[in-house]
Amino acid sequence: MRRSTARNIAIVLVIAALVAIVPGGGAAANVLLQAMYLVFLSTLWWFGAMMYRQHRVALYSLGDGRRAVLYSALAVAFLTLTASQKLWASSAGTIAWCVLLVASVYAALAVVWSARQY
């Protein structure tokens, strides 16, 4: 085992011990997890804003109907990802989460596919 691998394993074990042993470690881990989730969603939002700015002319050339379908699909996907924790709490919610994400990806890909047929 290389030295860096052993060091990385030791770091993970120390962090796991802190979460398990220190009072309030579980709450701190939850706060850190929520912060990382917010960073992930913010990064997705920033990426979407940059893509919108770069491809604004192409988006307007889609027409109102296709653009509405595309924006709706993106909104449903974003809201579904935001509500993941609540939806995963039940089996029906998990199925709804999968259906919503698959439907939004399908709708977005259908718009892209129909726009490229010309």
Protein backbone atom coordinates (compact mmCIF):
# COMPACT_ATOMS: atom_id res chain seq x y z
CA MET A 1 0.00 0.00 0.00
CA ARG A 2 1.36 3.39 -0.93
CA ARG A 3 1.95 6.03 1.66
CA SER A 4 -0.67 8.43 0.26
CA THR A 5 -3.31 5.70 0.23
CA ALA A 6 -2.63 4.87 3.86
CA ARG A 7 -2.79 8.57 4.74
CA ASN A 8 -6.15 8.96 2.96
CA ILE A 9 -7.57 5.93 4.76
CA ALA A 10 -6.37 7.33 8.09
CA ILE A 11 -8.05 10.68 7.37
CA VAL A 12 -11.35 8.97 6.59
CA LEU A 13 -11.12 6.87 9.76
CA VAL A 14 -10.40 9.94 11.90
CA ILE A 15 -13.38 11.80 10.44
CA ALA A 16 -15.62 8.76 10.98
CA ALA A 17 -14.43 8.50 14.59
CA LEU A 18 -15.17 12.18 15.17
CA VAL A 19 -18.69 11.79 13.82
CA ALA A 20 -19.31 8.68 15.93
CA ILE A 21 -17.64 9.73 19.21
CA VAL A 22 -17.91 13.51 19.55
CA PRO A 23 -21.26 14.74 20.93
CA GLY A 24 -23.16 16.48 18.17
CA GLY A 25 -20.95 14.90 15.50
CA GLY A 26 -23.95 13.47 13.68
CA ALA A 27 -25.64 16.87 13.57
CA ALA A 28 -22.43 18.47 12.29
CA ALA A 29 -22.20 15.79 9.61
CA ASN A 30 -25.79 16.52 8.57
CA VAL A 31 -25.04 20.25 8.34
CA LEU A 32 -21.97 19.52 6.21
CA LEU A 33 -23.99 17.20 3.97
CA GLN A 34 -26.70 19.83 3.48
CA ALA A 35 -24.06 22.45 2.68
CA MET A 36 -22.50 20.17 0.06
CA TYR A 37 -25.95 19.52 -1.42
CA LEU A 38 -26.61 23.26 -1.67
CA VAL A 39 -23.24 23.76 -3.36
CA PHE A 40 -24.16 21.01 -5.84
CA LEU A 41 -27.53 22.61 -6.65
CA SER A 42 -25.94 26.05 -6.91
CA THR A 43 -23.38 24.66 -9.34
CA LEU A 44 -26.18 23.18 -11.44
CA TRP A 45 -27.97 26.55 -11.41
CA TRP A 46 -24.76 28.39 -12.41
CA PHE A 47 -24.10 25.89 -15.22
CA GLY A 48 -27.65 26.39 -16.51
CA ALA A 49 -27.26 30.17 -16.44
CA MET A 50 -24.00 29.98 -18.40
CA MET A 51 -25.52 27.60 -20.96
CA TYR A 52 -28.51 29.93 -21.33
CA ARG A 53 -26.25 32.92 -21.98
CA GLN A 54 -24.15 31.05 -24.52
CA HIS A 55 -27.08 29.52 -26.42
CA ARG A 56 -29.73 32.24 -26.10
CA VAL A 57 -30.20 32.67 -29.86
CA ALA A 58 -30.60 28.93 -30.42
CA LEU A 59 -33.14 28.75 -27.58
CA TYR A 60 -35.22 31.56 -29.05
CA SER A 61 -35.14 29.87 -32.44
CA LEU A 62 -36.90 26.81 -30.97
CA GLY A 63 -40.23 28.56 -30.90
CA ASP A 64 -42.56 29.17 -27.99
CA GLY A 65 -43.99 25.65 -27.69
CA ARG A 66 -40.72 23.74 -27.67
CA ARG A 67 -39.07 26.32 -25.44
CA ALA A 68 -41.93 26.01 -22.92
CA VAL A 69 -41.54 22.21 -22.90
CA LEU A 70 -37.77 22.53 -22.41
CA TYR A 71 -38.07 25.06 -19.57
CA SER A 72 -40.80 23.01 -17.90
CA ALA A 73 -38.68 19.88 -18.08
CA LEU A 74 -35.72 21.69 -16.55
CA ALA A 75 -37.91 23.14 -13.79
CA VAL A 76 -39.40 19.72 -12.96
CA ALA A 77 -35.94 18.15 -12.84
CA PHE A 78 -34.60 20.92 -10.59
CA LEU A 79 -37.57 20.74 -8.21
CA THR A 80 -37.38 16.94 -8.13
CA LEU A 81 -33.69 17.07 -7.22
CA THR A 82 -34.45 19.65 -4.57
CA ALA A 83 -37.17 17.46 -3.02
CA SER A 84 -35.18 14.22 -3.23
CA GLN A 85 -34.92 13.69 0.51
CA LYS A 86 -38.68 14.05 1.03
CA LEU A 87 -39.53 11.88 -1.97
CA TRP A 88 -37.14 9.11 -0.93
CA ALA A 89 -38.90 8.83 2.44
CA SER A 90 -41.55 6.50 0.96
CA SER A 91 -41.67 3.90 -1.78
CA ALA A 92 -44.33 5.83 -3.71
CA GLY A 93 -42.16 8.94 -3.47
CA THR A 94 -39.17 7.03 -4.81
CA ILE A 95 -41.22 5.86 -7.78
CA ALA A 96 -42.51 9.41 -8.32
CA TRP A 97 -38.91 10.71 -8.15
CA CYS A 98 -37.80 8.25 -10.84
CA VAL A 99 -40.84 8.96 -13.05
CA LEU A 100 -40.41 12.74 -12.78
CA LEU A 101 -36.71 12.66 -13.61
CA VAL A 102 -37.13 10.24 -16.50
CA ALA A 103 -40.02 12.28 -17.90
CA SER A 104 -38.10 15.54 -17.67
CA VAL A 105 -35.01 14.06 -19.32
CA TYR A 106 -37.17 12.56 -22.06
CA ALA A 107 -38.95 15.87 -22.67
CA ALA A 108 -35.66 17.78 -22.87
CA LEU A 109 -34.13 15.22 -25.22
CA ALA A 110 -37.27 15.22 -27.38
CA VAL A 111 -36.98 18.99 -27.80
CA VAL A 112 -33.31 18.73 -28.70
CA TRP A 113 -33.98 15.87 -31.10
CA SER A 114 -36.83 17.69 -32.82
CA ALA A 115 -34.73 20.84 -33.16
CA ARG A 116 -31.91 18.92 -34.85
CA GLN A 117 -34.15 17.32 -37.50
CA TYR A 118 -33.93 20.30 -39.82
